[in-house]
Each structure stands twice: as structure tokens, then as C-alpha cells.
C-alpha atoms as a PDB file:
ATOM      1  CA  MET A   1      15.432  62.441  -4.982  1.00  0.00           C
ATOM      2  CA  PHE A   2      12.579  60.537  -6.553  1.00  0.00           C
ATOM      3  CA  LEU A   3       9.774  61.763  -8.772  1.00  0.00           C
ATOM      4  CA  THR A   4       6.290  60.719  -7.728  1.00  0.00           C
ATOM      5  CA  THR A   5       5.663  59.512 -11.309  1.00  0.00           C
ATOM      6  CA  PRO A   6       6.017  56.795 -12.414  1.00  0.00           C
ATOM      7  CA  GLY A   7       4.861  54.808  -9.385  1.00  0.00           C
ATOM      8  CA  PHE A   8       7.030  52.784  -7.064  1.00  0.00           C
ATOM      9  CA  PHE A   9       6.294  49.383  -8.594  1.00  0.00           C
ATOM     10  CA  GLU A  10       6.781  50.601 -12.163  1.00  0.00           C
ATOM     11  CA  SER A  11      10.110  52.165 -11.179  1.00  0.00           C
ATOM     12  CA  LEU A  12      11.120  48.934  -9.458  1.00  0.00           C
ATOM     13  CA  ILE A  13      10.892  47.207 -12.837  1.00  0.00           C
ATOM     14  CA  ASP A  14      12.510  49.960 -14.915  1.00  0.00           C
ATOM     15  CA  PHE A  15      14.957  51.649 -12.506  1.00  0.00           C
ATOM     16  CA  GLU A  16      17.962  49.419 -11.788  1.00  0.00           C
ATOM     17  CA  PRO A  17      19.409  51.398  -8.805  1.00  0.00           C
ATOM     18  CA  LEU A  18      16.069  51.076  -6.995  1.00  0.00           C
ATOM     19  CA  ARG A  19      16.142  47.290  -7.421  1.00  0.00           C
ATOM     20  CA  TYR A  20      19.703  47.116  -6.085  1.00  0.00           C
ATOM     21  CA  ALA A  21      18.761  49.345  -3.155  1.00  0.00           C
ATOM     22  CA  LEU A  22      15.728  47.197  -2.294  1.00  0.00           C
ATOM     23  CA  ILE A  23      17.788  43.976  -2.439  1.00  0.00           C
ATOM     24  CA  ALA A  24      20.342  45.571  -0.105  1.00  0.00           C
ATOM     25  CA  GLY A  25      17.533  46.752   2.175  1.00  0.00           C
ATOM     26  CA  ILE A  26      15.957  43.291   2.347  1.00  0.00           C
ATOM     27  CA  CYS A  27      19.357  41.808   3.237  1.00  0.00           C
ATOM     28  CA  ILE A  28      19.895  44.271   6.065  1.00  0.00           C
ATOM     29  CA  GLY A  29      16.304  43.695   7.186  1.00  0.00           C
ATOM     30  CA  PHE A  30      17.197  40.034   7.674  1.00  0.00           C
ATOM     31  CA  ILE A  31      20.763  40.201   8.971  1.00  0.00           C
ATOM     32  CA  ALA A  32      20.441  43.194  11.341  1.00  0.00           C
ATOM     33  CA  PRO A  33      17.787  41.620  13.657  1.00  0.00           C
ATOM     34  CA  LEU A  34      19.553  38.252  13.482  1.00  0.00           C
ATOM     35  CA  THR A  35      22.745  39.872  14.767  1.00  0.00           C
ATOM     36  CA  GLY A  36      20.921  42.301  17.035  1.00  0.00           C
ATOM     37  CA  SER A  37      19.102  39.476  18.873  1.00  0.00           C
ATOM     38  CA  VAL A  38      22.407  38.087  20.119  1.00  0.00           C
ATOM     39  CA  VAL A  39      23.683  41.565  20.982  1.00  0.00           C
ATOM     40  CA  ILE A  40      20.604  42.361  23.096  1.00  0.00           C
ATOM     41  CA  ILE A  41      20.480  39.006  24.896  1.00  0.00           C
ATOM     42  CA  ARG A  42      24.194  39.393  25.696  1.00  0.00           C
ATOM     43  CA  ARG A  43      23.439  42.896  27.120  1.00  0.00           C
ATOM     44  CA  LEU A  44      25.718  44.505  24.542  1.00  0.00           C
ATOM     45  CA  SER A  45      23.269  46.930  22.890  1.00  0.00           C
ATOM     46  CA  PHE A  46      25.652  49.874  23.296  1.00  0.00           C
ATOM     47  CA  ILE A  47      28.404  48.054  21.416  1.00  0.00           C
ATOM     48  CA  ALA A  48      26.547  48.550  18.113  1.00  0.00           C
ATOM     49  CA  ASP A  49      26.675  52.334  18.531  1.00  0.00           C
ATOM     50  CA  THR A  50      30.306  52.162  19.601  1.00  0.00           C
ATOM     51  CA  LEU A  51      31.474  50.104  16.626  1.00  0.00           C
ATOM     52  CA  SER A  52      29.454  52.175  14.154  1.00  0.00           C
ATOM     53  CA  HIS A  53      31.205  55.348  15.324  1.00  0.00           C
ATOM     54  CA  PHE A  54      34.616  53.665  15.261  1.00  0.00           C
ATOM     55  CA  SER A  55      33.831  52.284  11.797  1.00  0.00           C
ATOM     56  CA  LEU A  56      33.031  55.855  10.725  1.00  0.00           C
ATOM     57  CA  ALA A  57      36.522  56.806  11.909  1.00  0.00           C
ATOM     58  CA  GLY A  58      37.905  54.093   9.627  1.00  0.00           C
ATOM     59  CA  VAL A  59      35.920  55.352   6.640  1.00  0.00           C
ATOM     60  CA  THR A  60      37.016  58.964   7.149  1.00  0.00           C
ATOM     61  CA  THR A  61      40.621  57.804   7.613  1.00  0.00           C
ATOM     62  CA  GLY A  62      40.295  55.862   4.354  1.00  0.00           C
ATOM     63  CA  VAL A  63      38.961  58.934   2.539  1.00  0.00           C
ATOM     64  CA  PHE A  64      41.846  61.028   3.909  1.00  0.00           C
ATOM     65  CA  LEU A  65      44.463  58.465   2.824  1.00  0.00           C
ATOM     66  CA  SER A  66      42.856  58.003  -0.608  1.00  0.00           C
ATOM     67  CA  LYS A  67      43.215  61.761  -1.208  1.00  0.00           C
ATOM     68  CA  LEU A  68      46.766  61.783   0.167  1.00  0.00           C
ATOM     69  CA  ILE A  69      48.160  58.712  -1.627  1.00  0.00           C
ATOM     70  CA  ASN A  70      48.258  58.421  -5.408  1.00  0.00           C
ATOM     71  CA  PRO A  71      45.775  55.679  -6.519  1.00  0.00           C
ATOM     72  CA  SER A  72      48.439  54.325  -8.912  1.00  0.00           C
ATOM     73  CA  ILE A  73      50.595  53.474  -5.869  1.00  0.00           C
ATOM     74  CA  ILE A  74      47.854  51.989  -3.711  1.00  0.00           C
ATOM     75  CA  LYS A  75      44.080  52.226  -4.080  1.00  0.00           C
ATOM     76  CA  ILE A  76      42.356  52.614  -0.714  1.00  0.00           C
ATOM     77  CA  ASN A  77      38.670  51.726  -0.361  1.00  0.00           C
ATOM     78  CA  PRO A  78      37.188  53.680   2.600  1.00  0.00           C
ATOM     79  CA  ILE A  79      34.576  50.960   3.260  1.00  0.00           C
ATOM     80  CA  TYR A  80      37.292  48.327   3.718  1.00  0.00           C
ATOM     81  CA  MET A  81      39.028  50.713   6.109  1.00  0.00           C
ATOM     82  CA  GLY A  82      35.752  50.933   8.020  1.00  0.00           C
ATOM     83  CA  ILE A  83      35.602  47.127   8.296  1.00  0.00           C
ATOM     84  CA  LEU A  84      39.234  47.026   9.448  1.00  0.00           C
ATOM     85  CA  PHE A  85      38.621  49.680  12.120  1.00  0.00           C
ATOM     86  CA  SER A  86      35.495  47.870  13.348  1.00  0.00           C
ATOM     87  CA  ILE A  87      37.399  44.609  13.768  1.00  0.00           C
ATOM     88  CA  ILE A  88      40.290  46.412  15.486  1.00  0.00           C
ATOM     89  CA  GLY A  89      37.668  48.078  17.688  1.00  0.00           C
ATOM     90  CA  THR A  90      36.435  44.696  18.933  1.00  0.00           C
ATOM     91  CA  PHE A  91      39.951  43.820  20.120  1.00  0.00           C
ATOM     92  CA  ILE A  92      40.350  47.226  21.790  1.00  0.00           C
ATOM     93  CA  ILE A  93      37.038  46.716  23.630  1.00  0.00           C
ATOM     94  CA  GLU A  94      38.147  43.279  24.834  1.00  0.00           C
ATOM     95  CA  MET A  95      41.493  44.691  25.970  1.00  0.00           C
ATOM     96  CA  LEU A  96      39.876  47.581  27.861  1.00  0.00           C
ATOM     97  CA  ARG A  97      37.305  45.276  29.456  1.00  0.00           C
ATOM     98  CA  GLY A  98      40.254  43.425  30.974  1.00  0.00           C
ATOM     99  CA  PHE A  99      41.431  46.645  32.619  1.00  0.00           C
ATOM    100  CA  TYR A 100      37.950  47.666  33.832  1.00  0.00           C
ATOM    101  CA  LYS A 101      36.547  44.357  35.067  1.00  0.00           C
ATOM    102  CA  ASN A 102      34.011  46.029  37.365  1.00  0.00           C
ATOM    103  CA  TYR A 103      33.146  48.816  34.888  1.00  0.00           C
ATOM    104  CA  LYS A 104      33.180  47.006  31.553  1.00  0.00           C
ATOM    105  CA  GLU A 105      30.826  49.491  29.862  1.00  0.00           C
ATOM    106  CA  LEU A 106      33.612  52.100  30.104  1.00  0.00           C
ATOM    107  CA  SER A 107      35.480  50.298  27.315  1.00  0.00           C
ATOM    108  CA  MET A 108      32.723  51.138  24.843  1.00  0.00           C
ATOM    109  CA  THR A 109      32.431  54.780  25.923  1.00  0.00           C
ATOM    110  CA  ILE A 110      36.189  55.244  25.509  1.00  0.00           C
ATOM    111  CA  LEU A 111      36.198  53.676  22.041  1.00  0.00           C
ATOM    112  CA  LEU A 112      33.120  55.673  20.949  1.00  0.00           C
ATOM    113  CA  SER A 113      34.851  58.896  22.052  1.00  0.00           C
ATOM    114  CA  LEU A 114      37.970  57.920  20.091  1.00  0.00           C
ATOM    115  CA  GLY A 115      35.875  57.138  17.005  1.00  0.00           C
ATOM    116  CA  VAL A 116      34.056  60.487  17.095  1.00  0.00           C
ATOM    117  CA  ALA A 117      37.312  62.380  17.647  1.00  0.00           C
ATOM    118  CA  LEU A 118      39.119  60.634  14.768  1.00  0.00           C
ATOM    119  CA  SER A 119      36.125  61.130  12.453  1.00  0.00           C
ATOM    120  CA  GLY A 120      36.017  64.863  13.162  1.00  0.00           C
ATOM    121  CA  LEU A 121      39.786  65.151  12.745  1.00  0.00           C
ATOM    122  CA  PHE A 122      40.029  63.395   9.372  1.00  0.00           C
ATOM    123  CA  ILE A 123      36.921  65.087   7.969  1.00  0.00           C
ATOM    124  CA  SER A 124      38.525  68.465   8.713  1.00  0.00           C
ATOM    125  CA  LEU A 125      41.922  67.374   7.316  1.00  0.00           C
ATOM    126  CA  THR A 126      40.589  65.858   4.084  1.00  0.00           C
ATOM    127  CA  PRO A 127      40.780  68.350   1.195  1.00  0.00           C
ATOM    128  CA  GLY A 128      37.721  68.654  -1.036  1.00  0.00           C
ATOM    129  CA  ILE A 129      35.395  66.477   1.064  1.00  0.00           C
ATOM    130  CA  SER A 130      31.805  67.465   0.317  1.00  0.00           C
ATOM    131  CA  THR A 131      28.946  68.102   2.730  1.00  0.00           C
ATOM    132  CA  SER A 132      26.808  65.595   0.820  1.00  0.00           C
ATOM    133  CA  TYR A 133      29.414  62.877   1.413  1.00  0.00           C
ATOM    134  CA  THR A 134      29.610  63.491   5.147  1.00  0.00           C
ATOM    135  CA  THR A 135      25.788  63.584   5.289  1.00  0.00           C
ATOM    136  CA  SER A 136      25.622  60.221   3.512  1.00  0.00           C
ATOM    137  CA  LEU A 137      28.063  58.796   6.082  1.00  0.00           C
ATOM    138  CA  LEU A 138      25.788  59.930   8.897  1.00  0.00           C
ATOM    139  CA  PHE A 139      22.405  59.118   7.352  1.00  0.00           C
ATOM    140  CA  GLY A 140      23.221  56.666   4.557  1.00  0.00           C
ATOM    141  CA  SER A 141      22.960  56.678   0.765  1.00  0.00           C
ATOM    142  CA  ILE A 142      21.287  53.403  -0.116  1.00  0.00           C
ATOM    143  CA  MET A 143      20.409  54.572  -3.649  1.00  0.00           C
ATOM    144  CA  SER A 144      24.127  54.696  -4.471  1.00  0.00           C
ATOM    145  CA  VAL A 145      24.393  50.894  -4.189  1.00  0.00           C
ATOM    146  CA  ASP A 146      25.651  49.244  -7.389  1.00  0.00           C
ATOM    147  CA  LYS A 147      25.985  45.652  -8.605  1.00  0.00           C
ATOM    148  CA  ASN A 148      29.342  45.122  -6.818  1.00  0.00           C
ATOM    149  CA  ASP A 149      27.916  46.432  -3.539  1.00  0.00           C
ATOM    150  CA  VAL A 150      24.940  44.071  -3.828  1.00  0.00           C
ATOM    151  CA  LEU A 151      27.322  41.162  -4.435  1.00  0.00           C
ATOM    152  CA  ILE A 152      29.357  42.027  -1.313  1.00  0.00           C
ATOM    153  CA  ILE A 153      26.150  42.395   0.721  1.00  0.00           C
ATOM    154  CA  LEU A 154      24.772  39.048  -0.488  1.00  0.00           C
ATOM    155  CA  ILE A 155      28.054  37.229   0.234  1.00  0.00           C
ATOM    156  CA  THR A 156      28.305  38.834   3.691  1.00  0.00           C
ATOM    157  CA  SER A 157      24.683  37.948   4.479  1.00  0.00           C
ATOM    158  CA  ALA A 158      25.145  34.342   3.312  1.00  0.00           C
ATOM    159  CA  MET A 159      28.300  33.889   5.416  1.00  0.00           C
ATOM    160  CA  ILE A 160      26.605  35.260   8.543  1.00  0.00           C
ATOM    161  CA  LEU A 161      23.570  33.021   7.971  1.00  0.00           C
ATOM    162  CA  VAL A 162      25.802  29.944   7.584  1.00  0.00           C
ATOM    163  CA  PHE A 163      27.650  30.851  10.806  1.00  0.00           C
ATOM    164  CA  ALA A 164      24.335  31.317  12.665  1.00  0.00           C
ATOM    165  CA  VAL A 165      23.023  27.926  11.479  1.00  0.00           C
ATOM    166  CA  LEU A 166      26.250  26.035  12.243  1.00  0.00           C
ATOM    167  CA  PHE A 167      26.738  27.501  15.716  1.00  0.00           C
ATOM    168  CA  TYR A 168      23.111  28.114  16.708  1.00  0.00           C
ATOM    169  CA  LYS A 169      23.137  25.808  19.764  1.00  0.00           C
ATOM    170  CA  GLN A 170      26.440  27.199  21.048  1.00  0.00           C
ATOM    171  CA  ILE A 171      25.223  30.787  20.574  1.00  0.00           C
ATOM    172  CA  VAL A 172      21.959  30.122  22.433  1.00  0.00           C
ATOM    173  CA  THR A 173      23.852  28.433  25.284  1.00  0.00           C
ATOM    174  CA  LEU A 174      26.287  31.345  25.524  1.00  0.00           C
ATOM    175  CA  CYS A 175      23.468  33.912  25.504  1.00  0.00           C
ATOM    176  CA  PHE A 176      21.481  32.362  28.344  1.00  0.00           C
ATOM    177  CA  ASP A 177      24.051  30.572  30.527  1.00  0.00           C
ATOM    178  CA  GLU A 178      27.706  31.491  30.090  1.00  0.00           C
ATOM    179  CA  VAL A 179      28.808  29.270  32.989  1.00  0.00           C
ATOM    180  CA  TYR A 180      27.099  26.215  31.481  1.00  0.00           C
ATOM    181  CA  ALA A 181      28.619  27.098  28.096  1.00  0.00           C
ATOM    182  CA  LYS A 182      32.114  26.974  29.642  1.00  0.00           C
ATOM    183  CA  VAL A 183      31.384  23.706  31.461  1.00  0.00           C
ATOM    184  CA  SER A 184      29.996  22.087  28.300  1.00  0.00           C
ATOM    185  CA  GLY A 185      33.269  22.717  26.472  1.00  0.00           C
ATOM    186  CA  ILE A 186      32.363  25.775  24.400  1.00  0.00           C
ATOM    187  CA  ASN A 187      35.271  28.162  23.849  1.00  0.00           C
ATOM    188  CA  VAL A 188      33.342  31.135  25.231  1.00  0.00           C
ATOM    189  CA  ARG A 189      36.040  33.732  24.625  1.00  0.00           C
ATOM    190  CA  LEU A 190      36.522  32.702  20.991  1.00  0.00           C
ATOM    191  CA  LEU A 191      32.770  32.558  20.309  1.00  0.00           C
ATOM    192  CA  GLN A 192      32.248  35.971  21.916  1.00  0.00           C
ATOM    193  CA  LEU A 193      35.019  37.406  19.773  1.00  0.00           C
ATOM    194  CA  ALA A 194      33.568  35.833  16.619  1.00  0.00           C
ATOM    195  CA  ILE A 195      30.114  37.297  17.369  1.00  0.00           C
ATOM    196  CA  THR A 196      31.586  40.741  17.992  1.00  0.00           C
ATOM    197  CA  ILE A 197      33.636  40.598  14.772  1.00  0.00           C
ATOM    198  CA  ILE A 198      30.495  39.606  12.830  1.00  0.00           C
ATOM    199  CA  LEU A 199      28.704  42.577  14.386  1.00  0.00           C
ATOM    200  CA  ALA A 200      31.601  44.808  13.329  1.00  0.00           C
ATOM    201  CA  ILE A 201      31.419  43.528   9.740  1.00  0.00           C
ATOM    202  CA  VAL A 202      27.625  43.967   9.620  1.00  0.00           C
ATOM    203  CA  ILE A 203      27.920  47.550  10.839  1.00  0.00           C
ATOM    204  CA  SER A 204      30.726  48.405   8.392  1.00  0.00           C
ATOM    205  CA  VAL A 205      29.112  46.834   5.328  1.00  0.00           C
ATOM    206  CA  PHE A 206      25.641  48.258   5.974  1.00  0.00           C
ATOM    207  CA  MET A 207      26.733  51.626   7.363  1.00  0.00           C
ATOM    208  CA  ASP A 208      27.033  53.010   3.832  1.00  0.00           C
ATOM    209  CA  LEU A 209      23.362  52.135   3.264  1.00  0.00           C
ATOM    210  CA  VAL A 210      21.659  53.657   6.315  1.00  0.00           C
ATOM    211  CA  GLY A 211      24.406  55.723   7.943  1.00  0.00           C
ATOM    212  CA  VAL A 212      26.252  55.609  11.229  1.00  0.00           C
ATOM    213  CA  LEU A 213      23.404  57.292  13.146  1.00  0.00           C
ATOM    214  CA  LEU A 214      20.743  54.788  12.043  1.00  0.00           C
ATOM    215  CA  ILE A 215      22.518  51.409  11.811  1.00  0.00           C
ATOM    216  CA  SER A 216      22.200  50.664  15.535  1.00  0.00           C
ATOM    217  CA  SER A 217      18.454  51.370  15.305  1.00  0.00           C
ATOM    218  CA  LEU A 218      18.018  48.626  12.703  1.00  0.00           C
ATOM    219  CA  LEU A 219      19.997  46.238  14.890  1.00  0.00           C
ATOM    220  CA  ILE A 220      18.118  46.974  18.110  1.00  0.00           C
ATOM    221  CA  VAL A 221      14.552  48.298  17.555  1.00  0.00           C
ATOM    222  CA  PRO A 222      12.983  45.270  15.737  1.00  0.00           C
ATOM    223  CA  VAL A 223      14.398  42.953  18.411  1.00  0.00           C
ATOM    224  CA  ALA A 224      13.169  45.263  21.181  1.00  0.00           C
ATOM    225  CA  THR A 225       9.685  44.987  19.639  1.00  0.00           C
ATOM    226  CA  SER A 226       9.859  41.207  19.311  1.00  0.00           C
ATOM    227  CA  ILE A 227      11.048  40.673  22.892  1.00  0.00           C
ATOM    228  CA  LEU A 228       7.742  42.063  24.186  1.00  0.00           C
ATOM    229  CA  PHE A 229       5.888  38.897  23.233  1.00  0.00           C
ATOM    230  CA  GLY A 230       8.477  36.374  22.020  1.00  0.00           C
ATOM    231  CA  ASN A 231       8.317  33.120  23.992  1.00  0.00           C
ATOM    232  CA  SER A 232      11.631  31.711  22.770  1.00  0.00           C
ATOM    233  CA  PHE A 233      14.911  32.836  21.277  1.00  0.00           C
ATOM    234  CA  LYS A 234      13.970  31.437  17.860  1.00  0.00           C
ATOM    235  CA  GLN A 235      10.544  33.106  17.929  1.00  0.00           C
ATOM    236  CA  THR A 236      12.117  36.409  18.962  1.00  0.00           C
ATOM    237  CA  ILE A 237      14.528  36.296  16.014  1.00  0.00           C
ATOM    238  CA  THR A 238      11.777  35.281  13.559  1.00  0.00           C
ATOM    239  CA  THR A 239       9.324  38.005  14.561  1.00  0.00           C
ATOM    240  CA  ALA A 240      12.128  40.597  14.709  1.00  0.00           C
ATOM    241  CA  ILE A 241      13.057  39.768  11.106  1.00  0.00           C
ATOM    242  CA  ILE A 242       9.388  40.006  10.047  1.00  0.00           C
ATOM    243  CA  PHE A 243       9.013  43.433  11.712  1.00  0.00           C
ATOM    244  CA  SER A 244      12.283  44.571  10.167  1.00  0.00           C
ATOM    245  CA  GLU A 245      11.314  43.497   6.645  1.00  0.00           C
ATOM    246  CA  ILE A 246       7.889  45.159   6.965  1.00  0.00           C
ATOM    247  CA  SER A 247       9.657  48.392   7.957  1.00  0.00           C
ATOM    248  CA  ILE A 248      12.070  48.073   5.025  1.00  0.00           C
ATOM    249  CA  VAL A 249       9.324  47.561   2.411  1.00  0.00           C
ATOM    250  CA  LEU A 250       7.037  50.259   3.846  1.00  0.00           C
ATOM    251  CA  GLY A 251       9.994  52.617   4.269  1.00  0.00           C
ATOM    252  CA  PHE A 252      11.023  52.206   0.648  1.00  0.00           C
ATOM    253  CA  TYR A 253       7.494  52.656  -0.647  1.00  0.00           C
ATOM    254  CA  VAL A 254       6.622  55.713   1.460  1.00  0.00           C
ATOM    255  CA  SER A 255      10.001  57.398   0.958  1.00  0.00           C
ATOM    256  CA  PHE A 256       9.630  56.900  -2.801  1.00  0.00           C
ATOM    257  CA  GLU A 257       6.092  58.279  -2.953  1.00  0.00           C
ATOM    258  CA  LEU A 258       6.694  61.220  -0.580  1.00  0.00           C
ATOM    259  CA  VAL A 259      10.306  61.980  -1.570  1.00  0.00           C
ATOM    260  CA  LEU A 260      11.742  61.267   1.891  1.00  0.00           C
ATOM    261  CA  PRO A 261      15.153  59.864   2.960  1.00  0.00           C
ATOM    262  CA  ILE A 262      14.934  56.069   2.912  1.00  0.00           C
ATOM    263  CA  GLY A 263      17.059  55.232   5.960  1.00  0.00           C
ATOM    264  CA  ALA A 264      15.245  57.650   8.270  1.00  0.00           C
ATOM    265  CA  THR A 265      11.824  56.517   6.994  1.00  0.00           C
ATOM    266  CA  VAL A 266      12.658  52.845   7.601  1.00  0.00           C
ATOM    267  CA  VAL A 267      13.780  53.577  11.169  1.00  0.00           C
ATOM    268  CA  LEU A 268      10.621  55.620  11.828  1.00  0.00           C
ATOM    269  CA  PHE A 269       8.492  52.675  10.687  1.00  0.00           C
ATOM    270  CA  ASN A 270      10.459  50.460  13.082  1.00  0.00           C
ATOM    271  CA  ILE A 271       9.663  52.896  15.905  1.00  0.00           C
ATOM    272  CA  LEU A 272       6.000  53.060  14.812  1.00  0.00           C
ATOM    273  CA  ILE A 273       5.680  49.264  14.955  1.00  0.00           C
ATOM    274  CA  LEU A 274       7.351  49.276  18.391  1.00  0.00           C
ATOM    275  CA  THR A 275       4.869  51.930  19.602  1.00  0.00           C
ATOM    276  CA  ILE A 276       1.885  49.924  18.326  1.00  0.00           C
ATOM    277  CA  VAL A 277       3.134  46.747  20.003  1.00  0.00           C
ATOM    278  CA  LEU A 278       3.753  48.640  23.278  1.00  0.00           C
ATOM    279  CA  LEU A 279       0.164  49.900  23.209  1.00  0.00           C
ATOM    280  CA  ILE A 280      -1.187  46.412  22.476  1.00  0.00           C
ATOM    281  CA  VAL A 281       0.850  44.915  25.334  1.00  0.00           C
ATOM    282  CA  LYS A 282      -0.331  47.624  27.734  1.00  0.00           C
ATOM    283  CA  ILE A 283      -3.995  47.145  26.755  1.00  0.00           C
ATOM    284  CA  ARG A 284      -3.652  43.376  27.042  1.00  0.00           C
ATOM    285  CA  LYS A 285      -2.124  43.686  30.533  1.00  0.00           C
ATOM    286  CA  ARG A 286      -5.001  45.900  31.656  1.00  0.00           C
ATOM    287  CA  TYR A 287      -7.526  43.458  30.225  1.00  0.00           C
ATOM    288  CA  VAL A 288      -5.864  40.472  31.969  1.00  0.00           C
ATOM    289  CA  LYS A 289      -5.631  42.400  35.271  1.00  0.00           C
ATOM    290  CA  LYS A 290      -9.318  43.364  35.062  1.00  0.00           C
ATOM    291  CA  ALA A 291     -10.249  39.736  34.304  1.00  0.00           C
ATOM    292  CA  VAL A 292      -8.229  38.509  37.319  1.00  0.00           C
ATOM    293  CA  ASP A 293      -9.748  41.123  39.633  1.00  0.00           C
ATOM    294  CA  ASN A 294     -13.252  40.115  38.569  1.00  0.00           C
END
């Protein structure tokens, strides 16, 4: 919890954990819409929720094993287990989609159910697991970010940005015309798998910051807002990132001043911006319709 004094900006200078948390937040504000844009255009919005729940299963499995196995024998990091489970989850989805060619969305529902079941199982089996820890898994604990976490987040963000720049044309082609992508020589299956693995890594790395219940919101909501008036793929990504970063900064500031949970506040600002844009679009449509009728 924060104290309302000193102010946010003074604390940003003096309080190191707040600076680390804000850096992490800014990174997720950039990377989440960048990844989410591809997910939405590819009609895979539900996959973010699916992988976040399966990643949670990996984290809880990691916590269980870390309590069971002596750290001197092998030290298990639950976050790395979450990343591993997310990547495995992408392969399971692809395998199940092969079985359900006419009902491909079933693959995600099955995996989500497995993730929830495993999470509940290992939380109940893990001795000494605290309520605060399970709450942080669900809703995030961004203020617990340290220097090593920030380094991992920065490296992950840089790698994803490099991938997006190098394969931008191929990604755009795949998103809008899969048949043309195949004809033009793009390895569609490999590129799809790479995008899904990147999504899995994003979810696993950032899940500890905002929680399993909120990560998909940061991936989807800013892009959903941007789509309402974006005229191109690049413009949609750019405006989605702007909306996301505004929500991050406002969420941090308001949560600090009013002693509110950061992750939930950021998501609520995302929803608020979406609501405002929806109202503007509706008013503009009415105005254009009235002008045409006259």
C-alpha cells in the first residue's frame, strides 16, 4: 500500500521499487498492444486468456516443486515454469486444432480447462502457500518487481520489437491474406507458431505484474479501442500503444494517490478510454447520418 504523502512524482525520484514498477508498466504498455494487434487481426483473442490460465498452471506447478525439492539439488523458478507451460500450451493448441478442424476454438477451451484444473490442484497441494501469493498471481504484484525482473522485461521487450521490425511485412501479409502469404513463399505454419510462442512469453513474463485475470485485458482492450478508427494496421498498432501508455501512466498515478491496486486501475482506465471512444464514434455516426439525410 502507498501513503498519500509524499506525492507520486516525489516518490518516483526517491522510491526505487516505484521506478522499477513504472519501467515495467511502460514496457507492457508498449509490448501488449503490439502483440495483441496481431492476435485480434488473426481472430485469436481467446488464446490470450487460454495461455494465461495455462501459464498460471505452470507457475503453481513450479511453486509446488520448489517446496517439494531441496533448492540445493535444483532451484526451480516458478516464472520460468510459467513460460515453459505457455510454450507447451501453444503446441497443444496446434495439435488439438488438427483434431478439431471444423471446431478449432475447442482446442483453447480444453487447454483453459486443463490450466484451471492444474492450478487449483497444485495450489491445494502446496504446503504453506499464502493467500496473498495466490491473490498476486490472479491480480498481479507489480510493486514487487526488482532490478533483475526489469532486466528480463527489457530484454524480452527488445527481442519482441526486433522480431516485429524484421518480420513486419510477413506478419501483415499473414494477418490479412493467409492464402497469398502461402503463395508468396512465407512459411505460414512456422510464422504462426512463432507469433503464438511470443504471445506465450509475453503472457508469462508480464503475468506476475498484472495477474492472470488482467493480462488479456491489456493485450486486447487498447487494440479494440484503436480498431474503431484506425485506417491501417500500422496506425492501429500506434494508437493502441498510445492508449495503453496513457492508461499505464494514469493508472499508476491514480492508484498511488488513492491507494488502489495498480493492475486493476490500469485496466479500468483502458475500459474508460474505450467507452469514451465508443461514445465519440456513435455521436460522429449520428452527425454524419443527419448530414446525409439533410
